[in-house]
Protein backbone atom coordinates (compact mmCIF):
# COMPACT_ATOMS: atom_id res chain seq x y z
CA MET A 1 0.00 0.00 0.00
CA ASP A 2 1.20 3.53 -0.80
CA PHE A 3 -0.23 6.89 0.24
CA LEU A 4 -2.51 7.03 -2.81
CA GLU A 5 -4.31 3.90 -1.72
CA TYR A 6 -4.19 4.85 1.95
CA TYR A 7 -5.81 8.25 1.33
CA LYS A 8 -8.10 6.92 -1.44
CA LEU A 9 -6.62 9.07 -4.20
CA ARG A 10 -6.73 8.13 -7.90
CA GLU A 11 -3.42 9.84 -8.70
CA HIS A 12 -0.74 12.10 -7.26
CA PRO A 13 -2.37 15.47 -6.54
CA PHE A 14 0.79 17.50 -6.03
CA SER A 15 3.17 16.55 -8.81
CA ASN A 16 5.22 19.48 -10.12
CA VAL A 17 4.90 18.13 -13.67
CA VAL A 18 2.65 20.59 -15.51
CA ASP A 19 -0.75 18.97 -16.04
CA ASN A 20 -3.59 21.20 -17.25
CA ARG A 21 -6.16 18.96 -15.56
CA PHE A 22 -4.90 20.32 -12.23
CA TYR A 23 -4.81 23.94 -13.39
CA TYR A 24 -6.10 26.29 -10.69
CA ASN A 25 -7.57 29.44 -12.19
CA SER A 26 -6.68 31.90 -9.45
CA PRO A 27 -7.96 35.49 -9.88
CA GLN A 28 -4.55 36.73 -11.04
CA HIS A 29 -4.10 33.83 -13.48
CA ALA A 30 -7.61 34.39 -14.86
CA ASN A 31 -6.88 38.10 -15.35
CA ALA A 32 -3.53 37.29 -16.98
CA LEU A 33 -5.21 34.97 -19.49
CA VAL A 34 -7.78 37.62 -20.41
CA LYS A 35 -5.07 40.26 -20.89
CA LEU A 36 -2.84 37.98 -22.94
CA ARG A 37 -5.72 36.91 -25.19
CA HIS A 38 -6.53 40.58 -25.74
CA ALA A 39 -2.91 41.32 -26.68
CA ILE A 40 -2.86 38.36 -29.08
CA ASP A 41 -6.22 39.04 -30.71
CA SER A 42 -5.41 42.71 -31.21
CA LYS A 43 -2.01 41.71 -32.61
CA ARG A 44 -0.06 43.90 -30.20
CA GLY A 45 3.25 42.05 -30.78
CA LEU A 46 5.18 41.59 -27.55
CA SER A 47 3.81 40.70 -24.10
CA VAL A 48 5.82 39.82 -21.01
CA VAL A 49 4.91 37.70 -17.95
CA ILE A 50 7.30 37.97 -15.01
CA GLY A 51 7.31 36.17 -11.67
CA ASP A 52 9.45 34.51 -9.01
CA ILE A 53 10.65 30.90 -9.21
CA GLY A 54 7.66 28.60 -8.75
CA ALA A 55 5.02 31.33 -9.20
CA GLY A 56 3.22 29.45 -11.98
CA LYS A 57 4.59 31.04 -15.16
CA THR A 58 5.08 27.73 -16.99
CA THR A 59 1.65 26.53 -15.88
CA LEU A 60 0.12 29.73 -17.26
CA ALA A 61 2.02 29.36 -20.54
CA ARG A 62 0.78 25.78 -20.99
CA ARG A 63 -2.78 26.79 -20.19
CA LEU A 64 -2.69 29.67 -22.66
CA LEU A 65 -1.33 27.38 -25.37
CA GLU A 66 -4.09 24.85 -24.73
CA ASP A 67 -6.73 27.58 -24.87
CA LEU A 68 -5.65 28.79 -28.32
CA ASP A 69 -7.94 27.09 -30.86
CA GLU A 70 -5.86 25.47 -33.62
CA SER A 71 -8.36 26.64 -36.23
CA LYS A 72 -7.74 30.27 -35.30
CA TYR A 73 -4.16 30.36 -34.07
CA GLU A 74 -0.83 29.03 -35.29
CA ALA A 75 0.68 28.73 -31.83
CA ALA A 76 3.79 27.13 -30.35
CA LEU A 77 5.65 27.01 -27.05
CA LEU A 78 9.43 27.21 -26.97
CA VAL A 79 11.30 26.56 -23.71
CA ILE A 80 14.83 27.97 -23.39
CA ILE A 81 16.95 25.35 -21.59
CA HIS A 82 20.41 26.94 -21.70
CA SER A 83 21.96 30.37 -22.05
CA SER A 84 24.29 29.64 -24.99
CA VAL A 85 21.55 29.92 -27.58
CA SER A 86 22.52 31.65 -30.83
CA SER A 87 20.27 33.90 -32.86
CA GLU A 88 20.56 31.45 -35.80
CA TRP A 89 19.39 28.53 -33.64
CA LEU A 90 16.51 30.58 -32.30
CA LEU A 91 15.31 31.71 -35.74
CA LYS A 92 15.43 28.13 -37.00
CA LYS A 93 13.38 27.02 -34.00
CA PHE A 94 10.82 29.72 -34.78
CA ALA A 95 10.66 28.54 -38.38
CA LEU A 96 10.14 24.89 -37.43
CA GLN A 97 7.52 25.77 -34.80
CA LEU A 98 5.60 27.79 -37.38
CA GLY A 99 5.54 24.93 -39.88
CA ILE A 100 8.41 25.73 -42.25
CA GLU A 101 9.91 22.42 -43.42
CA ASP A 102 12.95 23.23 -45.58
CA VAL A 103 14.59 25.69 -43.18
CA LYS A 104 17.47 27.62 -44.75
CA ASP A 105 20.85 28.02 -43.06
CA ASP A 106 21.44 31.51 -44.40
CA LYS A 107 19.93 34.05 -41.99
CA VAL A 108 18.68 36.43 -44.69
CA ALA A 109 17.00 33.57 -46.57
CA LEU A 110 15.55 32.27 -43.29
CA LEU A 111 14.05 35.65 -42.42
CA GLY A 112 12.50 35.66 -45.89
CA GLN A 113 10.96 32.24 -45.21
CA LEU A 114 9.56 33.48 -41.93
CA TYR A 115 8.01 36.52 -43.58
CA VAL A 116 6.35 34.41 -46.28
CA ARG A 117 5.08 31.89 -43.71
CA LEU A 118 3.65 34.63 -41.50
CA GLN A 119 1.87 36.06 -44.53
CA GLU A 120 0.41 32.61 -45.27
CA ILE A 121 -0.80 32.25 -41.68
CA ASN A 122 -2.48 35.65 -41.74
CA ASP A 123 -3.99 35.01 -45.21
CA GLN A 124 -5.58 31.89 -43.69
CA GLY A 125 -7.31 34.11 -41.15
CA LYS A 126 -5.14 32.78 -38.32
CA THR A 127 -2.94 34.55 -35.79
CA ALA A 128 0.70 33.56 -35.26
CA VAL A 129 1.73 33.20 -31.61
CA VAL A 130 5.02 31.99 -30.13
CA LEU A 131 5.18 31.56 -26.36
CA MET A 132 8.68 31.48 -24.90
CA ASP A 133 9.47 30.26 -21.38
CA GLU A 134 12.63 30.97 -19.32
CA VAL A 135 13.50 33.92 -21.56
CA GLN A 136 15.70 35.44 -18.82
CA MET A 137 18.34 32.91 -19.94
CA LEU A 138 18.78 34.75 -23.25
CA LYS A 139 21.46 37.27 -22.36
CA SER A 140 22.47 38.15 -25.92
CA LYS A 141 21.87 41.65 -27.26
CA GLU A 142 21.97 40.16 -30.76
CA ILE A 143 19.01 37.91 -29.96
CA MET A 144 17.03 40.84 -28.57
CA GLU A 145 17.69 42.65 -31.85
CA GLU A 146 16.39 39.63 -33.79
CA PHE A 147 13.17 39.74 -31.77
CA ARG A 148 12.83 43.40 -32.63
CA GLY A 149 13.31 42.55 -36.28
CA LEU A 150 10.50 39.98 -36.16
CA LEU A 151 8.22 42.52 -34.49
CA ASN A 152 8.96 44.97 -37.29
CA MET A 153 7.00 42.66 -39.62
CA GLU A 154 3.61 44.32 -39.74
CA MET A 155 0.39 44.41 -41.70
CA GLN A 156 -2.60 46.75 -41.58
CA GLU A 157 -4.24 44.84 -38.70
CA GLY A 158 -1.13 44.86 -36.53
CA LYS A 159 1.96 42.72 -35.95
CA MET A 160 2.39 39.59 -38.09
CA ILE A 161 3.66 37.62 -35.10
CA ASN A 162 2.82 37.78 -31.41
CA LEU A 163 5.56 36.94 -28.90
CA ILE A 164 4.78 36.14 -25.28
CA PHE A 165 7.85 36.06 -23.00
CA PHE A 166 7.70 34.25 -19.66
CA GLY A 167 10.60 34.65 -17.25
CA LEU A 168 12.03 35.52 -13.87
CA ASN A 169 12.45 39.10 -12.69
CA GLU A 170 15.85 39.26 -14.44
CA LEU A 171 13.95 39.32 -17.73
CA GLU A 172 13.63 43.09 -17.32
CA ASP A 173 17.43 43.37 -17.43
CA VAL A 174 17.56 41.12 -20.49
CA LEU A 175 15.05 43.32 -22.33
CA SER A 176 17.08 46.39 -21.35
CA GLN A 177 19.89 45.15 -23.59
CA ASP A 178 17.85 46.51 -26.48
CA GLU A 179 15.91 49.60 -25.42
CA PRO A 180 13.85 49.81 -28.65
CA LEU A 181 12.65 46.24 -27.99
CA LYS A 182 11.79 47.05 -24.38
CA GLN A 183 9.72 49.97 -25.60
CA ARG A 184 7.75 47.56 -27.80
CA VAL A 185 6.37 45.63 -24.82
CA ALA A 186 2.61 46.08 -25.25
CA MET A 187 1.53 44.10 -22.18
CA ARG A 188 3.46 43.47 -18.96
CA ILE A 189 2.08 41.10 -16.30
CA SER A 190 3.60 40.25 -12.91
CA LEU A 191 2.60 37.03 -11.15
CA SER A 192 2.73 37.13 -7.36
CA ALA A 193 2.52 34.37 -4.76
CA PHE A 194 -0.86 33.13 -3.51
CA ASN A 195 -2.37 34.61 -0.38
CA GLU A 196 -3.55 32.25 2.36
CA GLY A 197 -7.07 31.93 0.95
CA GLU A 198 -5.80 31.16 -2.54
CA THR A 199 -3.39 28.60 -1.08
CA ARG A 200 -6.30 26.86 0.63
CA ASP A 201 -8.38 26.85 -2.57
CA TYR A 202 -5.39 25.59 -4.57
CA VAL A 203 -4.71 22.67 -2.21
CA LEU A 204 -8.36 21.63 -2.04
CA HIS A 205 -8.75 21.98 -5.81
CA ARG A 206 -5.85 19.65 -6.57
CA LEU A 207 -7.04 17.11 -3.99
CA LYS A 208 -10.51 17.10 -5.55
CA ILE A 209 -9.12 16.53 -9.06
CA ALA A 210 -7.06 13.62 -7.70
CA GLY A 211 -10.22 12.01 -6.29
CA SER A 212 -10.24 13.04 -2.65
CA LEU A 213 -13.70 12.90 -1.07
CA THR A 214 -12.64 14.41 2.26
CA GLN A 215 -10.53 17.34 3.42
CA LEU A 216 -7.23 15.54 3.99
CA PHE A 217 -5.46 18.67 5.26
CA THR A 218 -6.73 20.46 8.36
CA ASP A 219 -7.32 24.21 8.20
CA GLN A 220 -4.32 24.78 10.46
CA ALA A 221 -2.18 22.55 8.24
CA ILE A 222 -3.09 24.64 5.19
CA SER A 223 -2.25 27.82 7.07
CA THR A 224 1.15 26.32 7.93
CA ILE A 225 1.67 25.24 4.31
CA TRP A 226 1.14 28.84 3.23
CA LYS A 227 3.56 30.05 5.87
CA TYR A 228 6.40 27.78 4.75
CA SER A 229 5.74 27.86 1.00
CA LYS A 230 5.35 31.66 0.90
CA GLY A 231 2.36 31.00 -1.37
CA LEU A 232 4.48 29.73 -4.30
CA PRO A 233 2.61 26.93 -6.13
CA ARG A 234 5.72 24.84 -6.77
CA LEU A 235 6.67 24.85 -3.08
CA ILE A 236 3.05 24.21 -2.06
CA ASN A 237 3.14 21.07 -4.22
CA THR A 238 6.44 19.91 -2.74
CA VAL A 239 5.31 20.42 0.86
CA CYS A 240 1.94 18.74 0.29
CA ASP A 241 3.40 15.76 -1.56
CA ASN A 242 5.92 15.14 1.22
CA ALA A 243 3.20 15.65 3.84
CA LEU A 244 1.00 12.95 2.32
CA LEU A 245 3.90 10.52 2.40
CA GLU A 246 4.74 11.47 5.98
CA GLY A 247 1.10 11.13 6.97
CA PHE A 248 0.96 7.67 5.42
CA LEU A 249 4.11 6.58 7.24
CA VAL A 250 2.68 7.59 10.64
CA LYS A 251 -0.80 6.34 9.64
CA ALA A 252 -2.47 9.72 10.20
CA ASN A 253 -6.11 10.02 9.17
CA ALA A 254 -5.55 13.64 8.20
CA ILE A 255 -2.57 15.92 7.66
CA ASP A 256 -2.20 18.34 10.56
CA ASP A 257 0.17 21.23 11.10
CA ASN A 258 2.64 19.08 13.05
CA ILE A 259 3.17 16.93 9.97
CA ILE A 260 3.65 20.06 7.85
CA LYS A 261 6.23 21.41 10.29
CA THR A 262 8.12 18.08 10.21
CA VAL A 263 8.18 18.13 6.42
CA ALA A 264 9.24 21.79 6.34
CA VAL A 265 12.23 21.01 8.57
CA ASP A 266 13.19 18.09 6.33
CA LEU A 267 12.99 20.36 3.27
CA GLY A 268 14.96 23.12 4.96
CA LEU A 269 12.16 25.67 4.62
CA ASN A 270 12.01 28.81 6.72
CA GLY A 271 8.55 29.88 7.84
CA GLU A 272 9.59 33.44 8.69
CA SER A 273 8.09 36.14 6.50
């Protein structure tokens, strides 16, 4: 028997793997989605979403991508996994994501392919959108200039391509490498940590999706979770997942604040604000 069986759960409720079934539409996430859809549909060009580590930026990006109807949007998500990305690599990635098959090596020819493809997308009545996660890793001024070049591609209705950047707070410094690009930011959204009420709703929401029929965490436990996680969804997941295992090991019927405190010590978390 594991804790899933012990607590009568169908699946792990607090995995940090992004799964849209567990998406919690907090007020700030709901507002962010509305604003980003407005920026996309009005073809504003560049939007930026900034937040601390674990604040839910990737979750929001995945949700936005899922919400974009394939019949109306040519959309893709690109995750930056290292800082040594070249502008040539990035432009080729853009081309592949937008459906260009025979991608040219020559940058000028590649930019021509992108322009033609963006025209095709718009002629089809669709909107081109590229979401980019972990953009703070791109520390090259040359790459920022390439983004500016893409945003210079316009038509009567607005920009031919919409870029949505997701990143840590350092993303502001990255954008500052190219001031004209920074001035092109049409929408800027900051994600903050959950308050205690949102933390409670988030925990109960994920438990419900996983099949829980009872409140496995006491009210005091949830308050303590918020205290140690600082309201960051990723840390909330980590604390709760460890707490369910700890509760199973001690055969607790419910997770109380003592279990949360034990887990927090094991994880090296500081509950001071």
